[in-house]
N, C-alpha and C. Protein backbone atom coordinates (compact mmCIF):
# COMPACT_ATOMS: atom_id res chain seq x y z
N MET A 1 -4.61 -3.41 9.83
CA MET A 1 -4.31 -4.77 9.15
C MET A 1 -5.56 -5.19 8.53
N ILE A 2 -5.24 -5.95 7.11
CA ILE A 2 -6.23 -6.55 6.36
C ILE A 2 -6.25 -7.72 6.58
N ASP A 3 -6.97 -8.69 7.00
CA ASP A 3 -7.21 -10.05 7.13
C ASP A 3 -8.12 -10.54 6.09
N PRO A 4 -8.04 -12.03 6.08
CA PRO A 4 -9.02 -12.58 5.31
C PRO A 4 -10.21 -12.13 5.89
N PRO A 5 -11.31 -12.01 5.09
CA PRO A 5 -11.71 -12.63 3.65
C PRO A 5 -11.31 -11.98 2.49
N TYR A 6 -10.58 -11.12 2.40
CA TYR A 6 -10.06 -10.43 1.27
C TYR A 6 -9.15 -11.33 0.44
N LYS A 7 -9.67 -11.38 -0.83
CA LYS A 7 -8.94 -12.65 -1.72
C LYS A 7 -7.66 -12.15 -2.04
N ILE A 8 -6.66 -13.36 -2.28
CA ILE A 8 -5.35 -13.04 -2.70
C ILE A 8 -5.53 -14.05 -3.97
N PHE A 9 -4.70 -13.12 -4.98
CA PHE A 9 -4.89 -14.01 -6.29
C PHE A 9 -3.49 -14.58 -6.68
N GLU A 10 -3.39 -15.62 -7.39
CA GLU A 10 -2.47 -16.13 -8.02
C GLU A 10 -2.25 -16.54 -9.52
N THR A 11 -1.51 -16.26 -10.20
CA THR A 11 -1.27 -16.36 -11.64
C THR A 11 -0.29 -17.35 -12.08
N GLU A 12 0.27 -17.52 -13.14
CA GLU A 12 1.41 -18.27 -13.28
C GLU A 12 2.39 -18.00 -12.66
N ARG A 13 2.73 -16.85 -12.85
CA ARG A 13 4.04 -16.11 -12.41
C ARG A 13 3.93 -15.19 -11.15
N LEU A 14 2.71 -14.95 -10.73
CA LEU A 14 2.51 -13.92 -9.83
C LEU A 14 1.66 -14.20 -8.61
N PHE A 15 1.70 -13.64 -7.34
CA PHE A 15 0.81 -13.32 -6.51
C PHE A 15 0.35 -12.12 -6.36
N LEU A 16 -0.68 -11.81 -5.89
CA LEU A 16 -1.08 -10.46 -5.76
C LEU A 16 -2.05 -10.62 -4.52
N ARG A 17 -1.54 -9.71 -3.35
CA ARG A 17 -2.23 -9.74 -2.28
C ARG A 17 -2.67 -8.32 -1.76
N PRO A 18 -3.58 -8.06 -0.90
CA PRO A 18 -3.93 -6.52 -0.35
C PRO A 18 -2.54 -6.05 0.15
N VAL A 19 -2.42 -4.61 -0.31
CA VAL A 19 -1.21 -3.87 0.36
C VAL A 19 -1.83 -3.69 1.98
N GLU A 20 -0.84 -3.95 2.83
CA GLU A 20 -1.14 -3.86 4.18
C GLU A 20 -0.08 -2.88 5.20
N GLU A 21 -0.17 -2.55 6.27
CA GLU A 21 0.32 -1.71 6.91
C GLU A 21 1.90 -2.04 6.97
N LYS A 22 2.45 -3.32 6.69
CA LYS A 22 3.69 -3.84 6.96
C LYS A 22 4.34 -3.52 5.55
N ASP A 23 3.50 -2.97 4.59
CA ASP A 23 4.13 -2.81 3.22
C ASP A 23 4.26 -1.02 3.05
N ALA A 24 4.40 -0.50 4.26
CA ALA A 24 4.83 1.21 3.94
C ALA A 24 5.99 1.28 3.52
N ALA A 25 7.03 0.71 3.62
CA ALA A 25 8.34 1.25 2.93
C ALA A 25 8.16 0.86 1.54
N PHE A 26 7.59 -0.27 1.10
CA PHE A 26 7.45 -0.58 -0.37
C PHE A 26 6.49 0.55 -0.95
N LEU A 27 5.45 0.76 -0.19
CA LEU A 27 4.75 2.11 -0.96
C LEU A 27 5.25 3.13 -1.16
N ILE A 28 6.04 3.50 -0.01
CA ILE A 28 6.95 4.95 -0.17
C ILE A 28 7.74 4.69 -1.60
N LYS A 29 8.35 3.75 -1.84
CA LYS A 29 9.15 3.24 -3.01
C LYS A 29 8.58 3.38 -4.28
N ILE A 30 7.38 2.70 -4.19
CA ILE A 30 6.45 2.71 -5.73
C ILE A 30 5.89 4.00 -5.76
N LEU A 31 5.29 4.75 -4.87
CA LEU A 31 4.54 6.09 -5.02
C LEU A 31 5.58 7.23 -5.34
N ASN A 32 6.84 7.01 -4.97
CA ASN A 32 7.83 7.87 -5.37
C ASN A 32 8.85 7.37 -6.45
N SER A 33 8.40 6.43 -7.17
CA SER A 33 9.39 6.00 -8.36
C SER A 33 9.01 7.32 -9.58
N GLU A 34 10.09 6.89 -10.29
CA GLU A 34 10.10 8.23 -11.60
C GLU A 34 8.71 8.31 -12.27
N LYS A 35 8.64 6.86 -12.78
CA LYS A 35 7.27 6.83 -13.68
C LYS A 35 5.92 7.04 -12.96
N TRP A 36 5.84 6.75 -11.32
CA TRP A 36 4.74 7.06 -10.79
C TRP A 36 4.64 8.45 -10.77
N LEU A 37 5.62 9.09 -10.46
CA LEU A 37 5.65 10.56 -10.13
C LEU A 37 5.09 11.18 -11.77
N LEU A 38 5.60 10.73 -12.72
CA LEU A 38 5.49 11.59 -14.03
C LEU A 38 3.96 10.99 -14.61
N ASN A 39 3.57 9.76 -14.34
CA ASN A 39 2.30 9.47 -15.12
C ASN A 39 1.15 9.57 -14.10
N ILE A 40 1.45 9.40 -12.75
CA ILE A 40 0.26 9.30 -11.84
C ILE A 40 0.16 10.61 -10.87
N GLY A 41 1.44 11.09 -10.44
CA GLY A 41 1.43 12.14 -9.84
C GLY A 41 1.78 11.97 -8.29
N ASP A 42 2.23 13.16 -7.68
CA ASP A 42 2.81 12.97 -6.14
C ASP A 42 1.59 12.72 -4.97
N ARG A 43 1.81 11.85 -4.46
CA ARG A 43 0.69 11.61 -3.35
C ARG A 43 1.27 11.95 -2.12
N ASN A 44 2.53 12.64 -2.04
CA ASN A 44 3.19 13.08 -0.84
C ASN A 44 3.38 12.25 0.21
N VAL A 45 3.63 10.97 -0.16
CA VAL A 45 3.94 10.08 0.99
C VAL A 45 5.49 9.50 0.88
N HIS A 46 6.40 10.28 1.96
CA HIS A 46 7.69 10.08 2.00
C HIS A 46 8.04 9.45 3.32
N THR A 47 7.36 9.25 4.31
CA THR A 47 7.63 8.83 5.53
C THR A 47 6.85 7.82 5.88
N ILE A 48 7.54 6.60 6.76
CA ILE A 48 6.89 5.44 7.23
C ILE A 48 5.46 6.01 7.82
N GLU A 49 5.49 6.92 8.74
CA GLU A 49 4.38 7.40 9.47
C GLU A 49 3.18 7.66 8.27
N VAL A 50 3.43 8.24 7.34
CA VAL A 50 2.72 9.06 6.30
C VAL A 50 1.96 7.91 5.61
N ALA A 51 3.00 6.91 5.31
CA ALA A 51 3.01 5.74 4.33
C ALA A 51 1.58 4.83 5.08
N LYS A 52 1.87 4.70 6.39
CA LYS A 52 0.84 3.76 7.18
C LYS A 52 -0.44 4.44 7.29
N LYS A 53 -0.34 5.92 7.39
CA LYS A 53 -1.86 6.50 7.45
C LYS A 53 -2.26 6.53 6.10
N TYR A 54 -1.65 6.74 4.95
CA TYR A 54 -2.29 6.48 3.57
C TYR A 54 -2.67 5.05 3.38
N ILE A 55 -2.39 4.25 3.77
CA ILE A 55 -2.81 2.53 3.79
C ILE A 55 -3.98 2.38 4.63
N GLU A 56 -4.06 3.02 5.66
CA GLU A 56 -5.11 3.05 6.52
C GLU A 56 -6.34 3.59 5.94
N GLU A 57 -5.98 4.80 5.50
CA GLU A 57 -7.03 5.80 4.95
C GLU A 57 -7.72 5.64 3.80
N ARG A 58 -6.75 5.29 2.93
CA ARG A 58 -7.03 4.91 1.41
C ARG A 58 -7.30 3.45 0.90
N ILE A 59 -6.43 2.63 1.37
CA ILE A 59 -6.24 1.46 1.02
C ILE A 59 -7.31 0.57 1.95
N THR A 60 -7.07 0.42 3.25
CA THR A 60 -7.76 -0.55 4.13
C THR A 60 -9.00 -0.16 4.01
N THR A 61 -9.44 1.22 4.40
CA THR A 61 -11.09 1.97 4.10
C THR A 61 -11.61 0.95 2.98
N GLN A 62 -10.95 0.99 1.78
CA GLN A 62 -11.75 0.65 0.73
C GLN A 62 -12.08 -0.67 0.62
N TYR A 63 -10.87 -1.42 1.36
CA TYR A 63 -11.26 -2.90 1.21
C TYR A 63 -12.41 -3.43 2.26
N GLN A 64 -12.43 -2.60 3.31
CA GLN A 64 -13.42 -2.78 4.32
C GLN A 64 -14.79 -2.54 3.93
N LYS A 65 -14.73 -1.32 3.00
CA LYS A 65 -16.01 -0.98 2.13
C LYS A 65 -16.72 -1.80 0.93
N LEU A 66 -15.60 -2.19 0.21
CA LEU A 66 -15.92 -3.13 -0.83
C LEU A 66 -15.44 -4.46 -1.04
N GLY A 67 -14.42 -4.89 -0.24
CA GLY A 67 -13.92 -6.11 -0.37
C GLY A 67 -12.65 -6.07 -1.27
N PHE A 68 -12.31 -5.25 -2.20
CA PHE A 68 -11.26 -5.22 -3.25
C PHE A 68 -10.62 -3.80 -2.94
N GLY A 69 -9.41 -3.69 -3.61
CA GLY A 69 -8.71 -2.44 -3.55
C GLY A 69 -7.13 -2.60 -4.25
N ASN A 70 -6.26 -2.22 -3.64
CA ASN A 70 -4.98 -1.88 -4.20
C ASN A 70 -4.16 -3.50 -3.52
N TYR A 71 -3.56 -4.03 -4.62
CA TYR A 71 -2.93 -5.34 -4.66
C TYR A 71 -1.29 -5.17 -4.70
N LEU A 72 -0.43 -5.69 -3.93
CA LEU A 72 0.97 -5.85 -3.89
C LEU A 72 1.25 -7.11 -4.98
N VAL A 73 1.75 -6.75 -5.86
CA VAL A 73 2.08 -7.99 -7.04
C VAL A 73 3.50 -8.15 -6.72
N SER A 74 3.90 -9.58 -6.45
CA SER A 74 5.15 -10.18 -6.06
C SER A 74 5.51 -11.62 -7.06
N ALA A 75 6.42 -11.48 -7.25
CA ALA A 75 6.99 -12.85 -8.23
C ALA A 75 6.96 -14.00 -7.75
N LYS A 76 6.15 -15.14 -8.17
CA LYS A 76 6.10 -16.46 -7.49
C LYS A 76 7.60 -17.17 -7.14
N GLU A 77 8.44 -16.46 -8.12
CA GLU A 77 9.53 -17.72 -8.19
C GLU A 77 10.51 -17.16 -7.05
N THR A 78 10.68 -15.53 -6.93
CA THR A 78 11.83 -14.76 -6.37
C THR A 78 10.90 -14.05 -4.98
N GLY A 79 9.78 -13.97 -5.07
CA GLY A 79 9.21 -13.27 -4.20
C GLY A 79 9.50 -11.44 -4.08
N ALA A 80 9.94 -11.31 -5.34
CA ALA A 80 10.36 -9.90 -5.25
C ALA A 80 9.01 -8.87 -5.76
N GLU A 81 9.02 -7.89 -4.89
CA GLU A 81 7.73 -7.01 -4.77
C GLU A 81 8.13 -6.12 -6.38
N MET A 82 7.27 -6.43 -7.15
CA MET A 82 7.19 -5.72 -8.58
C MET A 82 6.48 -4.56 -8.62
N GLY A 83 5.41 -4.25 -7.98
CA GLY A 83 4.44 -3.36 -8.16
C GLY A 83 3.21 -3.39 -7.47
N VAL A 84 2.28 -2.67 -8.25
CA VAL A 84 0.69 -2.78 -7.72
C VAL A 84 -0.23 -2.82 -8.82
N CYS A 85 -1.13 -3.53 -8.70
CA CYS A 85 -2.41 -3.63 -9.48
C CYS A 85 -3.71 -3.67 -8.53
N GLY A 86 -4.80 -2.69 -9.28
CA GLY A 86 -5.80 -2.60 -8.20
C GLY A 86 -7.10 -2.60 -8.63
N LEU A 87 -7.87 -2.55 -8.22
CA LEU A 87 -9.59 -2.06 -8.52
C LEU A 87 -9.76 -0.73 -7.56
N TYR A 88 -9.67 0.46 -8.09
CA TYR A 88 -10.07 1.65 -7.22
C TYR A 88 -11.34 2.10 -7.42
N ALA A 89 -11.85 2.62 -6.12
CA ALA A 89 -13.07 3.43 -5.96
C ALA A 89 -12.51 4.93 -6.15
N ARG A 90 -12.25 5.47 -7.32
CA ARG A 90 -11.75 6.83 -7.24
C ARG A 90 -12.76 8.09 -7.04
N PRO A 91 -12.43 9.11 -6.39
CA PRO A 91 -13.39 10.38 -6.41
C PRO A 91 -13.44 10.79 -7.86
N GLY A 92 -14.50 11.01 -8.22
CA GLY A 92 -14.71 11.72 -9.68
C GLY A 92 -15.01 10.76 -10.57
N LEU A 93 -14.77 9.43 -10.18
CA LEU A 93 -15.27 8.20 -11.34
C LEU A 93 -16.39 7.44 -10.58
N ASP A 94 -17.41 7.17 -11.74
CA ASP A 94 -18.40 6.47 -11.11
C ASP A 94 -18.37 4.91 -11.28
N THR A 95 -17.49 4.59 -12.14
CA THR A 95 -17.09 3.43 -12.28
C THR A 95 -15.64 2.70 -11.56
N ILE A 96 -15.54 1.44 -11.19
CA ILE A 96 -14.38 1.15 -10.46
C ILE A 96 -13.39 1.22 -11.64
N ASP A 97 -12.17 1.57 -11.21
CA ASP A 97 -11.16 2.03 -12.08
C ASP A 97 -9.77 0.72 -11.89
N ILE A 98 -9.59 0.23 -12.77
CA ILE A 98 -8.30 -0.78 -12.83
C ILE A 98 -7.10 -0.15 -13.08
N GLY A 99 -5.95 -0.28 -12.21
CA GLY A 99 -4.84 0.62 -12.42
C GLY A 99 -3.99 -0.26 -12.15
N PHE A 100 -2.41 0.10 -12.54
CA PHE A 100 -1.13 -0.73 -12.37
C PHE A 100 -0.20 0.03 -12.26
N ALA A 101 1.06 -0.15 -11.55
CA ALA A 101 2.30 0.46 -11.57
C ALA A 101 3.13 -0.66 -11.31
N PHE A 102 4.44 -0.54 -12.10
CA PHE A 102 5.40 -1.61 -11.83
C PHE A 102 6.74 -1.02 -11.87
N PHE A 103 7.74 -1.40 -11.19
CA PHE A 103 9.24 -1.03 -11.21
C PHE A 103 9.71 -1.11 -12.57
N PRO A 104 10.46 -0.23 -13.22
CA PRO A 104 11.12 -0.28 -14.42
C PRO A 104 11.63 -1.81 -14.93
N GLU A 105 12.18 -2.30 -13.93
CA GLU A 105 12.93 -3.62 -14.06
C GLU A 105 11.69 -4.90 -14.27
N TYR A 106 10.42 -4.44 -14.27
CA TYR A 106 9.46 -5.44 -14.31
C TYR A 106 8.36 -5.13 -15.57
N GLU A 107 8.74 -4.09 -16.27
CA GLU A 107 7.91 -3.65 -17.25
C GLU A 107 8.24 -4.44 -18.58
N ASN A 108 7.52 -4.63 -19.33
CA ASN A 108 7.50 -4.99 -21.06
C ASN A 108 8.09 -6.72 -20.91
N GLN A 109 7.40 -7.08 -19.76
CA GLN A 109 7.45 -8.61 -19.57
C GLN A 109 6.26 -9.39 -19.63
N GLY A 110 5.20 -8.87 -19.62
CA GLY A 110 3.74 -9.20 -19.48
C GLY A 110 3.17 -9.31 -18.28
N PHE A 111 3.92 -8.75 -17.34
CA PHE A 111 3.45 -8.94 -15.73
C PHE A 111 2.22 -8.04 -15.41
N GLY A 112 2.14 -6.83 -15.92
CA GLY A 112 1.25 -5.95 -16.20
C GLY A 112 -0.17 -6.67 -16.40
N PHE A 113 -0.21 -7.38 -17.76
CA PHE A 113 -1.07 -7.82 -18.35
C PHE A 113 -1.67 -9.19 -17.65
N GLU A 114 -0.75 -9.94 -17.19
CA GLU A 114 -1.09 -10.92 -16.24
C GLU A 114 -1.75 -10.73 -14.81
N ALA A 115 -1.50 -9.51 -14.14
CA ALA A 115 -2.07 -8.97 -12.89
C ALA A 115 -3.45 -8.53 -13.30
N ALA A 116 -3.20 -7.69 -14.26
CA ALA A 116 -4.94 -6.84 -14.55
C ALA A 116 -5.74 -7.88 -15.06
N SER A 117 -5.25 -8.97 -15.81
CA SER A 117 -6.14 -9.88 -16.14
C SER A 117 -6.92 -10.58 -15.33
N ILE A 118 -6.30 -11.09 -14.09
CA ILE A 118 -6.87 -11.59 -13.07
C ILE A 118 -7.66 -10.85 -12.38
N LEU A 119 -7.27 -9.53 -12.37
CA LEU A 119 -8.39 -8.54 -11.49
C LEU A 119 -9.48 -8.36 -12.36
N ILE A 120 -9.20 -8.11 -13.68
CA ILE A 120 -10.62 -7.99 -14.46
C ILE A 120 -11.50 -9.28 -14.40
N GLN A 121 -11.02 -10.61 -14.35
CA GLN A 121 -11.93 -11.72 -14.02
C GLN A 121 -12.71 -11.62 -12.79
N ALA A 122 -11.77 -11.18 -11.74
CA ALA A 122 -12.21 -11.29 -10.45
C ALA A 122 -13.16 -10.00 -10.11
N ALA A 123 -13.06 -8.62 -10.85
CA ALA A 123 -14.19 -8.16 -10.98
C ALA A 123 -15.56 -8.45 -11.29
N LYS A 124 -15.51 -9.32 -12.53
CA LYS A 124 -16.50 -9.94 -12.99
C LYS A 124 -16.99 -10.96 -12.02
N GLU A 125 -16.31 -11.99 -11.73
CA GLU A 125 -16.87 -13.22 -11.13
C GLU A 125 -17.07 -13.42 -9.58
N ASP A 126 -16.10 -12.37 -8.90
CA ASP A 126 -16.20 -12.56 -7.52
C ASP A 126 -16.60 -11.13 -6.88
N PHE A 127 -16.39 -9.97 -7.46
CA PHE A 127 -17.07 -8.97 -7.03
C PHE A 127 -18.33 -8.34 -7.62
N HIS A 128 -18.68 -9.01 -8.84
CA HIS A 128 -20.15 -8.94 -9.56
C HIS A 128 -20.21 -7.64 -10.05
N LEU A 129 -18.96 -6.93 -10.49
CA LEU A 129 -19.03 -5.64 -11.11
C LEU A 129 -19.74 -5.76 -12.65
N GLN A 130 -20.34 -4.65 -13.11
CA GLN A 130 -21.16 -4.92 -14.45
C GLN A 130 -19.63 -4.11 -15.62
N LYS A 131 -19.09 -3.37 -15.03
CA LYS A 131 -18.26 -2.73 -15.99
C LYS A 131 -16.96 -2.10 -15.23
N LEU A 132 -15.82 -1.96 -15.79
CA LEU A 132 -14.42 -1.21 -15.25
C LEU A 132 -14.34 -0.14 -16.22
N CYS A 133 -13.44 0.64 -15.59
CA CYS A 133 -12.86 1.76 -16.42
C CYS A 133 -11.48 1.99 -16.47
N ALA A 134 -10.69 2.62 -16.95
CA ALA A 134 -9.26 2.89 -16.72
C ALA A 134 -8.93 4.14 -17.24
N ILE A 135 -7.98 5.12 -16.50
CA ILE A 135 -7.64 6.60 -16.82
C ILE A 135 -6.23 6.58 -16.95
N THR A 136 -5.86 7.02 -17.85
CA THR A 136 -4.30 7.51 -18.18
C THR A 136 -4.09 8.87 -18.68
N ILE A 137 -2.93 9.34 -18.56
CA ILE A 137 -2.46 10.91 -19.23
C ILE A 137 -2.07 10.32 -20.69
N PRO A 138 -2.37 11.44 -21.53
CA PRO A 138 -2.23 11.18 -23.02
C PRO A 138 -0.73 10.83 -23.35
N SER A 139 0.17 11.21 -22.63
CA SER A 139 1.67 11.07 -22.90
C SER A 139 2.12 9.68 -22.32
N ASN A 140 1.16 8.88 -21.48
CA ASN A 140 1.63 7.67 -21.09
C ASN A 140 1.20 6.49 -22.16
N ILE A 141 1.98 6.28 -22.84
CA ILE A 141 1.70 5.37 -24.34
C ILE A 141 1.52 3.81 -23.76
N ALA A 142 2.51 3.55 -22.70
CA ALA A 142 2.69 2.17 -22.15
C ALA A 142 1.58 1.84 -21.68
N SER A 143 0.95 2.55 -20.86
CA SER A 143 -0.50 2.49 -20.23
C SER A 143 -1.70 2.37 -21.11
N GLN A 144 -1.72 3.08 -22.09
CA GLN A 144 -2.65 2.98 -23.33
C GLN A 144 -2.63 1.60 -24.01
N LYS A 145 -1.26 1.09 -24.42
CA LYS A 145 -1.26 0.01 -25.11
C LYS A 145 -1.73 -1.13 -24.01
N LEU A 146 -1.44 -1.32 -22.79
CA LEU A 146 -1.88 -2.54 -21.81
C LEU A 146 -3.43 -2.22 -21.57
N ILE A 147 -3.80 -1.12 -21.56
CA ILE A 147 -5.46 -0.90 -21.64
C ILE A 147 -6.12 -1.43 -22.42
N ASN A 148 -5.66 -1.17 -23.87
CA ASN A 148 -6.36 -1.65 -25.12
C ASN A 148 -6.04 -2.87 -25.23
N LYS A 149 -4.97 -3.48 -24.64
CA LYS A 149 -4.54 -5.33 -24.67
C LYS A 149 -5.59 -5.97 -23.62
N LEU A 150 -5.92 -5.29 -22.63
CA LEU A 150 -6.95 -5.78 -21.66
C LEU A 150 -8.29 -5.65 -22.12
N GLY A 151 -8.38 -5.10 -23.24
CA GLY A 151 -10.04 -4.98 -23.80
C GLY A 151 -11.05 -3.82 -23.56
N LEU A 152 -10.40 -2.72 -22.88
CA LEU A 152 -10.99 -1.57 -22.58
C LEU A 152 -11.13 -0.60 -23.63
N GLU A 153 -12.05 -0.28 -23.85
CA GLU A 153 -12.18 0.77 -25.08
C GLU A 153 -12.14 2.48 -24.73
N TYR A 154 -11.54 3.14 -25.63
CA TYR A 154 -11.44 4.39 -25.37
C TYR A 154 -12.60 5.18 -25.56
N LEU A 155 -13.11 5.95 -24.66
CA LEU A 155 -14.49 6.63 -24.78
C LEU A 155 -14.32 8.20 -25.03
N LYS A 156 -13.56 8.85 -23.94
CA LYS A 156 -13.54 10.23 -23.90
C LYS A 156 -12.36 10.85 -23.34
N THR A 157 -12.05 12.19 -23.18
CA THR A 157 -11.28 12.76 -22.49
C THR A 157 -11.95 13.40 -21.28
N ILE A 158 -11.50 13.07 -20.05
CA ILE A 158 -12.18 13.61 -19.09
C ILE A 158 -11.10 14.61 -17.97
N LYS A 159 -11.86 15.31 -17.01
CA LYS A 159 -11.02 15.93 -15.84
C LYS A 159 -11.85 15.54 -14.77
N ILE A 160 -11.17 15.32 -13.81
CA ILE A 160 -11.50 14.93 -12.27
C ILE A 160 -11.20 16.25 -11.49
N ASP A 161 -12.48 16.48 -10.71
CA ASP A 161 -12.31 17.72 -9.70
C ASP A 161 -11.06 17.57 -9.01
N GLY A 162 -10.45 18.58 -9.04
CA GLY A 162 -9.28 19.07 -8.35
C GLY A 162 -8.05 18.84 -9.19
N ASP A 163 -8.24 18.28 -10.42
CA ASP A 163 -6.85 18.07 -11.03
C ASP A 163 -7.01 18.79 -12.44
N ASN A 164 -6.25 19.57 -12.61
CA ASN A 164 -6.39 20.30 -14.19
C ASN A 164 -5.83 19.46 -15.27
N GLU A 165 -5.38 18.33 -15.18
CA GLU A 165 -4.97 17.33 -16.22
C GLU A 165 -5.96 16.69 -16.83
N GLU A 166 -5.96 16.71 -18.21
CA GLU A 166 -6.81 16.03 -19.05
C GLU A 166 -6.50 14.25 -19.22
N LEU A 167 -7.60 13.56 -18.84
CA LEU A 167 -7.20 12.13 -18.82
C LEU A 167 -8.07 11.40 -19.90
N MET A 168 -7.29 10.34 -20.39
CA MET A 168 -8.00 9.46 -21.17
C MET A 168 -8.82 8.55 -20.60
N TYR A 169 -9.93 8.26 -20.97
CA TYR A 169 -10.94 7.37 -20.18
C TYR A 169 -11.48 6.22 -21.03
N TYR A 170 -11.25 5.08 -20.70
CA TYR A 170 -11.49 3.82 -21.15
C TYR A 170 -12.65 3.15 -20.39
N GLU A 171 -13.38 2.25 -21.00
CA GLU A 171 -14.32 1.09 -20.06
C GLU A 171 -14.40 -0.14 -20.94
N ILE A 172 -14.76 -1.25 -20.07
CA ILE A 172 -15.08 -2.51 -20.67
C ILE A 172 -16.50 -2.85 -19.81
N ASP A 173 -17.25 -3.57 -20.41
CA ASP A 173 -18.23 -4.09 -19.99
C ASP A 173 -17.94 -5.46 -19.55
N LEU A 174 -18.25 -6.11 -18.42
CA LEU A 174 -17.94 -7.35 -17.90
C LEU A 174 -19.06 -8.48 -18.03
């Protein structure tokens, strides 16, 4: 379980809170959504038991180590769980990565920009990071547009160990 002092963020339209064990069913849904599988890849999380283990090993552990991680994004007005946005320590990257994924019904409405913007601000002001990166596959044009809108600059193409796919790599100094 992730308890305070981990920050919860609020924007004009959104709440962002740490993903917790109670979110296992939500995590299964987002990790197996069509766009996640296409643009990010299969995490092999298909049962509540595996989702809880994933949360414990990959999400809670990072919160305990760094104080930030994967945030569930929900609508203030309705409480609807819209997607995730987070600051991730990824194997193969020297810089903390900002990432996001939303269900299709919440795309193209500025929610990704709103959520990622508050986390960029927190990365600088609350977590005292000097820079952030973002990665995406070349075919994910929507992600590239959002990354650019957030102010990250494309630097190069990279490959992460154990992954054959080339990724576009962006950075921003905070």
